[in-house]
Structures are given as structure tokens and as C-alpha cells.
């Protein structure tokens, strides 16, 4: 492959390293050393990847959690244009501001469809094992280039803006990454088997409706605890979905998985652990109530969870 997905991991690691360097040099940040260390450790994971031992990567994650937990990650003062300058630039560009954002889905779709089989000699242009991710990486680079061209800025200024957004989102930007791994750890630790034992021993699952309800509500509850539907899925699918719904009631595995994940997303709407959905928007919009987004979504999440139970009950044998 000419464009491998690893290239974008290195690029992301380089961006995080730049954020770390800027944080170290920012004397306005009272926690500049610990903030810089946090982002430097995260950059190391992307830059070194498989070159470091899993135990070393795990230790880095533990240190990052301690730094964030004890208030060591703070916002500084990024070197970005003044508010008046940004507003004047936005007014001048108007709706053209949306062009870089629209470049991302356009280039991603083109790469994943039109360019998926394109070769140069014996080499595929895009990484065939991670076609969508490679296309998304190309799209992100193209969007940054487009934004720099439209605003007459430099890639370094793009790095400064990246640091401003990273500072605004702070440590919560790392949470989805860690929570996605948590599901694999739970599966390896046998949590799914423990859930299966509890549900079959203490909850009567002889009723199809009860089994469906336990599965869907369990998906939502585990997502509320772990903040990520992908982390909840191996636990509930291994504990209830496969042994009860599929093996006992003959459910279609595809339907079970699809509606189960949809139920997990209902939990995503109701938890601060899903920081990228519910906490980061609050920080970026500077809302006074940290739970404002969650409160606004409860009226959608709960009825939707009930609808998923009904859908799975009637469609699972389709």
C-alpha cells in the first residue's frame, strides 16, 4: 500500500507532540509541566505504537489517568488570532467556512468507493485492510490544506488551533479511546460469563420479553457505566445476547447485534462518561450546567430504549 493507516497515526502523534511542546512552553498555564506530560504520553502511544511493550503503554495510560484525576491537566493560553480578527475573517468567508468540513465526508466517500481498487503498479493506493480509516485520514489532511488555503494561514497556525481545541476539551478527549479498550479487557476478564451467570441464576429468562428487556436495558446500563457502546457490547452479547436470545430463542444474530447497539446508544445519551458527546459540547459552548446536554437528551433516550425493546421482541426471529 502507498497510503497506510499507520501514517495517520504518526501524523496524529506528531500533532499531539506539538500540543505537548506548546503546553510546556506556555507560562500562563499553572500546570504546564503536567499538562505537557499528559499530551506527550498520549503522543508516545501513537508515535511508537507496536514498538513499545503493552505494559509500557498501559503504564502510560495509568499515569495519564492520575495526571487528569489530580487536576494536572489545565487549559493554557494558545497563540491564536484575537477574537475580533477571527470574527472579521469569518464574516469575510461567510458560508465558505463550511467547505473544509464538507471536504472530509466527500474525500472519505471517494476514497472508500472510487479509489478502493486503484493501483499504481503493484501497489494499492489506499490501505486495503483499513480502507475507510485511510480515506478518512486523507480527507482530514485535505481539509486542513483547504482551510489553510482559504484563510491564508500556515500549517503551524493549524497546529495552534488544534492546541486550542485540545485545551478546550482537555483530558476528556482521551476518554473514548480508553473506554473502547475497556470492553476488550472486560471480555478477557470474563465479565460476560459473570453477567450470564447472574442473569440466568437470579433473573427468570424463560420469557422472551424478559430476555429481550434484560438485554436491551443491560446494554444501556453498561454503556452508562463505561461510556461506550462498543465496550458494553461484548459483555452483554456474551452474557445474554448469544447464549439466551440466539441459542435459546433462535434470534437472528445480525438483528440482535444491531438493535443491541442501538440500545447502547440510548445509554450514551444519558451518561457523562460519554464525554465526547455530552461533556465536550458543554465545554465548547461554555454552558453553565455541565449536564445540560444529558438533560436535554433524556426525553429522547428513554422512549427510544422502550422502542428498541419492542422492535427486538418482534423482529429478532426475522
Protein backbone atom coordinates (compact mmCIF):
# COMPACT_ATOMS: atom_id res chain seq x y z
CA UNK A 1 0.00 0.00 0.00
CA UNK A 2 1.11 3.55 -0.74
CA UNK A 3 -1.11 5.23 1.86
CA UNK A 4 -1.15 3.13 5.03
CA UNK A 5 -3.29 3.87 8.05
CA UNK A 6 -0.16 3.90 10.23
CA UNK A 7 0.92 7.13 8.52
CA UNK A 8 -2.04 8.93 10.05
CA UNK A 9 -1.30 7.51 13.49
CA UNK A 10 2.17 9.04 13.18
CA UNK A 11 0.67 12.32 11.98
CA UNK A 12 -1.75 12.38 14.92
CA UNK A 13 1.12 11.56 17.26
CA UNK A 14 3.15 14.44 15.79
CA UNK A 15 0.22 16.81 16.32
CA UNK A 16 -0.12 15.70 19.96
CA UNK A 17 3.64 16.12 20.41
CA UNK A 18 3.30 19.68 19.11
CA UNK A 19 0.46 20.27 21.58
CA UNK A 20 2.68 18.93 24.36
CA UNK A 21 5.56 21.21 23.32
CA UNK A 22 3.27 24.25 23.22
CA UNK A 23 1.91 23.32 26.64
CA UNK A 24 5.40 23.01 28.12
CA UNK A 25 6.27 26.47 26.80
CA UNK A 26 3.03 28.15 27.94
CA UNK A 27 3.95 30.05 31.13
CA UNK A 28 0.35 31.22 31.54
CA UNK A 29 -0.67 27.65 32.41
CA UNK A 30 -0.12 26.97 36.14
CA UNK A 31 0.07 23.25 35.36
CA UNK A 32 2.13 23.47 32.18
CA UNK A 33 4.55 20.66 33.08
CA UNK A 34 1.91 18.12 34.00
CA UNK A 35 -0.31 19.21 31.09
CA UNK A 36 2.57 18.86 28.66
CA UNK A 37 3.49 15.46 30.11
CA UNK A 38 -0.10 14.26 29.67
CA UNK A 39 -0.13 15.09 25.95
CA UNK A 40 3.43 13.85 25.47
CA UNK A 41 2.48 10.43 26.85
CA UNK A 42 -0.54 10.29 24.59
CA UNK A 43 1.63 11.27 21.62
CA UNK A 44 4.07 8.49 22.52
CA UNK A 45 1.33 5.86 22.19
CA UNK A 46 0.61 6.94 18.61
CA UNK A 47 4.20 7.54 17.55
CA UNK A 48 5.68 4.33 18.91
CA UNK A 49 2.67 2.03 18.59
CA UNK A 50 3.74 -1.60 18.41
CA UNK A 51 7.35 -0.67 19.17
CA UNK A 52 6.62 -0.35 22.88
CA UNK A 53 5.60 -3.16 25.20
CA UNK A 54 1.88 -3.35 26.09
CA UNK A 55 2.85 -2.96 29.76
CA UNK A 56 4.62 0.33 28.95
CA UNK A 57 1.58 1.61 27.07
CA UNK A 58 -0.63 0.57 29.98
CA UNK A 59 1.65 2.34 32.45
CA UNK A 60 1.46 5.49 30.32
CA UNK A 61 -2.34 5.32 30.43
CA UNK A 62 -2.28 4.92 34.22
CA UNK A 63 -0.01 7.95 34.59
CA UNK A 64 -2.30 9.94 32.29
CA UNK A 65 -5.32 8.97 34.39
CA UNK A 66 -3.52 10.08 37.56
CA UNK A 67 -2.47 13.39 36.00
CA UNK A 68 -6.04 14.10 34.90
CA UNK A 69 -7.60 12.83 38.12
CA UNK A 70 -5.49 15.08 40.32
CA UNK A 71 -6.15 18.19 38.26
CA UNK A 72 -2.84 18.21 36.43
CA UNK A 73 -4.35 18.94 33.01
CA UNK A 74 -5.29 22.60 32.63
CA UNK A 75 -6.02 24.99 29.78
CA UNK A 76 -3.37 27.50 28.82
CA UNK A 77 -3.40 30.47 26.51
CA UNK A 78 -2.99 29.29 22.91
CA UNK A 79 -1.30 31.65 20.46
CA UNK A 80 -4.29 32.26 18.18
CA UNK A 81 -5.61 35.41 16.47
CA UNK A 82 -7.66 37.83 18.54
CA UNK A 83 -11.43 37.41 18.73
CA UNK A 84 -12.01 40.49 16.53
CA UNK A 85 -9.68 39.11 13.86
CA UNK A 86 -11.41 35.73 13.84
CA UNK A 87 -14.84 37.32 13.59
CA UNK A 88 -13.74 39.56 10.72
CA UNK A 89 -12.29 36.54 8.88
CA UNK A 90 -15.48 34.55 9.46
CA UNK A 91 -17.63 37.40 8.16
CA UNK A 92 -15.44 37.70 5.08
CA UNK A 93 -15.58 33.98 4.28
CA UNK A 94 -19.28 33.56 5.05
CA UNK A 95 -20.66 30.15 4.15
CA UNK A 96 -17.31 29.16 2.62
CA UNK A 97 -16.32 28.29 6.19
CA UNK A 98 -18.19 25.01 5.75
CA UNK A 99 -16.11 23.92 2.75
CA UNK A 100 -13.26 22.28 4.77
CA UNK A 101 -15.81 20.40 6.87
CA UNK A 102 -17.59 19.17 3.73
CA UNK A 103 -14.29 18.06 2.22
CA UNK A 104 -13.98 15.38 4.92
CA UNK A 105 -17.06 13.27 4.02
CA UNK A 106 -16.57 13.90 0.28
CA UNK A 107 -12.98 12.69 0.20
CA UNK A 108 -13.72 9.82 2.59
CA UNK A 109 -16.55 8.55 0.39
CA UNK A 110 -14.45 8.95 -2.76
CA UNK A 111 -11.57 7.04 -1.23
CA UNK A 112 -13.73 4.23 0.14
CA UNK A 113 -15.64 3.76 -3.14
CA UNK A 114 -13.99 5.20 -6.25
CA UNK A 115 -10.37 4.64 -5.21
CA UNK A 116 -10.68 1.38 -3.31
CA UNK A 117 -9.24 -0.77 -6.12
CA UNK A 118 -6.90 1.79 -7.70
CA UNK A 119 -3.28 0.67 -8.05
CA UNK A 120 -0.03 2.28 -9.04
CA UNK A 121 1.98 -0.59 -10.44
CA UNK A 122 1.67 -3.47 -7.98
CA UNK A 123 0.70 -1.22 -5.10
CA UNK A 124 -2.80 -0.29 -3.95
CA UNK A 125 -3.12 3.45 -3.38
CA UNK A 126 -5.03 3.01 -0.11
CA UNK A 127 -4.61 0.55 2.74
CA UNK A 128 -6.96 -2.31 1.87
CA UNK A 129 -7.27 -3.58 5.44
CA UNK A 130 -8.29 -0.17 6.79
CA UNK A 131 -9.79 1.43 3.69
CA UNK A 132 -12.25 3.74 5.44
CA UNK A 133 -9.74 4.91 8.04
CA UNK A 134 -7.11 5.58 5.38
CA UNK A 135 -9.67 7.52 3.34
CA UNK A 136 -10.69 9.49 6.43
CA UNK A 137 -7.05 10.31 7.15
CA UNK A 138 -6.57 11.61 3.60
CA UNK A 139 -9.78 13.61 3.98
CA UNK A 140 -8.59 15.22 7.21
CA UNK A 141 -5.27 16.25 5.63
CA UNK A 142 -7.12 17.64 2.59
CA UNK A 143 -9.50 19.59 4.86
CA UNK A 144 -6.59 21.16 6.77
CA UNK A 145 -4.96 22.10 3.48
CA UNK A 146 -8.18 23.63 2.22
CA UNK A 147 -8.66 25.58 5.47
CA UNK A 148 -5.09 26.93 5.30
CA UNK A 149 -5.56 27.98 1.67
CA UNK A 150 -8.88 29.70 2.32
CA UNK A 151 -7.69 31.59 5.39
CA UNK A 152 -4.15 32.24 4.09
CA UNK A 153 -2.79 30.57 7.22
CA UNK A 154 0.08 28.16 7.76
CA UNK A 155 0.12 24.55 8.98
CA UNK A 156 1.73 25.86 12.18
CA UNK A 157 -1.33 28.03 12.78
CA UNK A 158 -3.45 24.93 12.22
CA UNK A 159 -1.40 23.31 14.97
CA UNK A 160 -2.09 26.25 17.27
CA UNK A 161 -5.82 25.93 16.60
CA UNK A 162 -5.59 22.20 17.28
CA UNK A 163 -3.99 23.01 20.61
CA UNK A 164 -6.79 25.48 21.39
CA UNK A 165 -9.43 22.79 20.77
CA UNK A 166 -7.46 20.16 22.69
CA UNK A 167 -7.18 22.56 25.62
CA UNK A 168 -10.94 23.24 25.49
CA UNK A 169 -11.77 19.52 25.51
CA UNK A 170 -8.93 18.71 27.93
CA UNK A 171 -8.47 15.13 29.20
CA UNK A 172 -11.95 14.06 28.11
CA UNK A 173 -10.68 13.77 24.54
CA UNK A 174 -8.83 10.61 25.61
CA UNK A 175 -11.81 9.01 27.34
CA UNK A 176 -13.42 7.36 24.25
CA UNK A 177 -10.08 5.73 23.41
CA UNK A 178 -9.70 4.25 26.89
CA UNK A 179 -13.32 3.16 27.16
CA UNK A 180 -13.16 1.33 23.83
CA UNK A 181 -10.29 -0.74 25.21
CA UNK A 182 -12.24 -1.35 28.41
CA UNK A 183 -14.72 -3.59 26.59
CA UNK A 184 -11.91 -5.86 25.42
CA UNK A 185 -10.49 -6.00 28.92
CA UNK A 186 -13.90 -6.93 30.32
CA UNK A 187 -14.28 -9.67 27.73
CA UNK A 188 -10.81 -11.07 28.54
CA UNK A 189 -11.58 -10.92 32.27
CA UNK A 190 -14.74 -12.98 31.82
CA UNK A 191 -17.24 -10.29 32.76
CA UNK A 192 -19.60 -11.58 30.07
CA UNK A 193 -19.65 -15.00 31.70
CA UNK A 194 -20.30 -13.42 35.08
CA UNK A 195 -23.23 -11.47 33.61
CA UNK A 196 -24.58 -14.68 32.07
CA UNK A 197 -24.37 -16.45 35.45
CA UNK A 198 -26.15 -13.61 37.28
CA UNK A 199 -28.91 -13.20 34.71
CA UNK A 200 -29.65 -16.90 34.39
CA UNK A 201 -29.42 -17.57 38.15
CA UNK A 202 -31.33 -14.61 39.56
CA UNK A 203 -33.50 -13.33 36.71
CA UNK A 204 -36.11 -15.51 35.08
CA UNK A 205 -35.30 -15.51 31.37
CA UNK A 206 -37.82 -18.15 30.38
CA UNK A 207 -39.92 -15.34 28.97
CA UNK A 208 -38.82 -13.99 25.60
CA UNK A 209 -39.93 -10.48 26.56
CA UNK A 210 -37.96 -10.59 29.81
CA UNK A 211 -34.83 -11.75 27.99
CA UNK A 212 -35.15 -9.01 25.40
CA UNK A 213 -35.72 -6.37 28.07
CA UNK A 214 -32.73 -7.52 30.15
CA UNK A 215 -30.52 -7.49 27.06
CA UNK A 216 -31.54 -4.01 25.83
CA UNK A 217 -31.63 -2.38 29.26
CA UNK A 218 -28.34 -4.08 30.17
CA UNK A 219 -26.74 -2.65 27.01
CA UNK A 220 -27.89 0.82 28.01
CA UNK A 221 -26.79 0.44 31.65
CA UNK A 222 -23.33 -0.90 30.81
CA UNK A 223 -22.89 1.94 28.35
CA UNK A 224 -23.88 4.42 31.06
CA UNK A 225 -21.19 2.93 33.31
CA UNK A 226 -18.47 2.58 30.66
CA UNK A 227 -19.44 5.45 28.38
CA UNK A 228 -19.05 3.45 25.18
CA UNK A 229 -21.44 1.11 23.40
CA UNK A 230 -18.57 -0.86 21.89
CA UNK A 231 -17.30 -1.55 25.40
CA UNK A 232 -20.74 -2.71 26.54
CA UNK A 233 -21.44 -4.95 23.54
CA UNK A 234 -19.03 -7.85 24.21
CA UNK A 235 -20.25 -8.01 27.82
CA UNK A 236 -23.98 -8.14 27.11
CA UNK A 237 -23.72 -10.08 23.86
CA UNK A 238 -21.58 -12.70 25.56
CA UNK A 239 -23.76 -12.75 28.68
CA UNK A 240 -27.31 -12.58 27.28
CA UNK A 241 -27.36 -11.96 23.54
CA UNK A 242 -25.71 -15.12 22.26
CA UNK A 243 -26.48 -17.72 24.99
CA UNK A 244 -30.09 -16.63 25.60
CA UNK A 245 -31.51 -14.71 22.65
CA UNK A 246 -29.69 -16.60 19.89
CA UNK A 247 -29.21 -20.07 21.36
CA UNK A 248 -32.44 -20.32 23.34
CA UNK A 249 -34.94 -18.19 21.42
CA UNK A 250 -33.43 -18.50 17.95
CA UNK A 251 -32.79 -14.80 17.38
CA UNK A 252 -31.15 -13.59 14.20
CA UNK A 253 -27.61 -12.61 15.34
CA UNK A 254 -27.50 -9.62 12.99
CA UNK A 255 -30.77 -8.22 14.34
CA UNK A 256 -29.71 -8.94 17.92
CA UNK A 257 -26.43 -7.09 17.43
CA UNK A 258 -27.88 -4.11 15.53
CA UNK A 259 -30.74 -3.34 17.92
CA UNK A 260 -28.50 -4.11 20.89
CA UNK A 261 -26.03 -1.46 19.76
CA UNK A 262 -28.90 0.95 19.19
CA UNK A 263 -29.96 0.32 22.80
CA UNK A 264 -26.40 1.01 23.91
CA UNK A 265 -26.53 4.36 22.14
CA UNK A 266 -29.55 5.22 24.29
CA UNK A 267 -27.22 4.82 27.26
CA UNK A 268 -24.69 7.06 25.51
CA UNK A 269 -27.24 9.87 25.56
CA UNK A 270 -27.62 9.59 29.32
CA UNK A 271 -24.09 9.45 30.70
CA UNK A 272 -21.29 11.93 31.37
CA UNK A 273 -18.87 9.05 30.73
CA UNK A 274 -19.58 9.56 27.01
CA UNK A 275 -17.52 12.71 27.25
CA UNK A 276 -17.09 13.28 23.52
CA UNK A 277 -20.90 13.51 23.14
CA UNK A 278 -22.07 15.03 26.40
CA UNK A 279 -19.23 16.85 28.17
CA UNK A 280 -17.11 18.25 25.34
CA UNK A 281 -20.05 20.15 23.74
CA UNK A 282 -20.82 21.67 27.14
CA UNK A 283 -17.21 22.83 27.47
CA UNK A 284 -17.00 24.17 23.92
CA UNK A 285 -20.29 26.08 24.28
CA UNK A 286 -19.36 27.24 27.78
CA UNK A 287 -22.72 26.14 29.21
CA UNK A 288 -23.20 26.83 32.93
CA UNK A 289 -24.78 23.41 33.58
CA UNK A 290 -22.33 20.57 32.87
CA UNK A 291 -25.25 18.13 32.49
CA UNK A 292 -27.31 20.36 30.20
CA UNK A 293 -26.78 18.13 27.15
CA UNK A 294 -27.74 14.96 29.05
CA UNK A 295 -30.88 16.56 30.48
CA UNK A 296 -31.95 17.64 27.01
CA UNK A 297 -31.44 14.10 25.66
CA UNK A 298 -33.29 12.12 28.35
CA UNK A 299 -36.63 12.74 26.68
CA UNK A 300 -35.31 11.03 23.56
CA UNK A 301 -33.20 8.27 25.12
CA UNK A 302 -35.79 6.64 27.39
CA UNK A 303 -38.66 6.33 24.86
CA UNK A 304 -36.16 5.15 22.25
CA UNK A 305 -34.92 2.42 24.60
CA UNK A 306 -38.51 1.24 25.07
CA UNK A 307 -38.99 1.24 21.30
CA UNK A 308 -35.86 -0.88 20.87
CA UNK A 309 -37.23 -3.50 23.27
CA UNK A 310 -40.44 -3.70 21.25
CA UNK A 311 -38.56 -3.84 17.93
CA UNK A 312 -36.21 -6.60 19.07
CA UNK A 313 -39.09 -8.63 20.51
CA UNK A 314 -40.94 -8.66 17.17
CA UNK A 315 -38.01 -8.66 14.76
CA UNK A 316 -35.45 -10.95 16.41
CA UNK A 317 -36.71 -14.04 14.58
CA UNK A 318 -37.00 -12.31 11.22
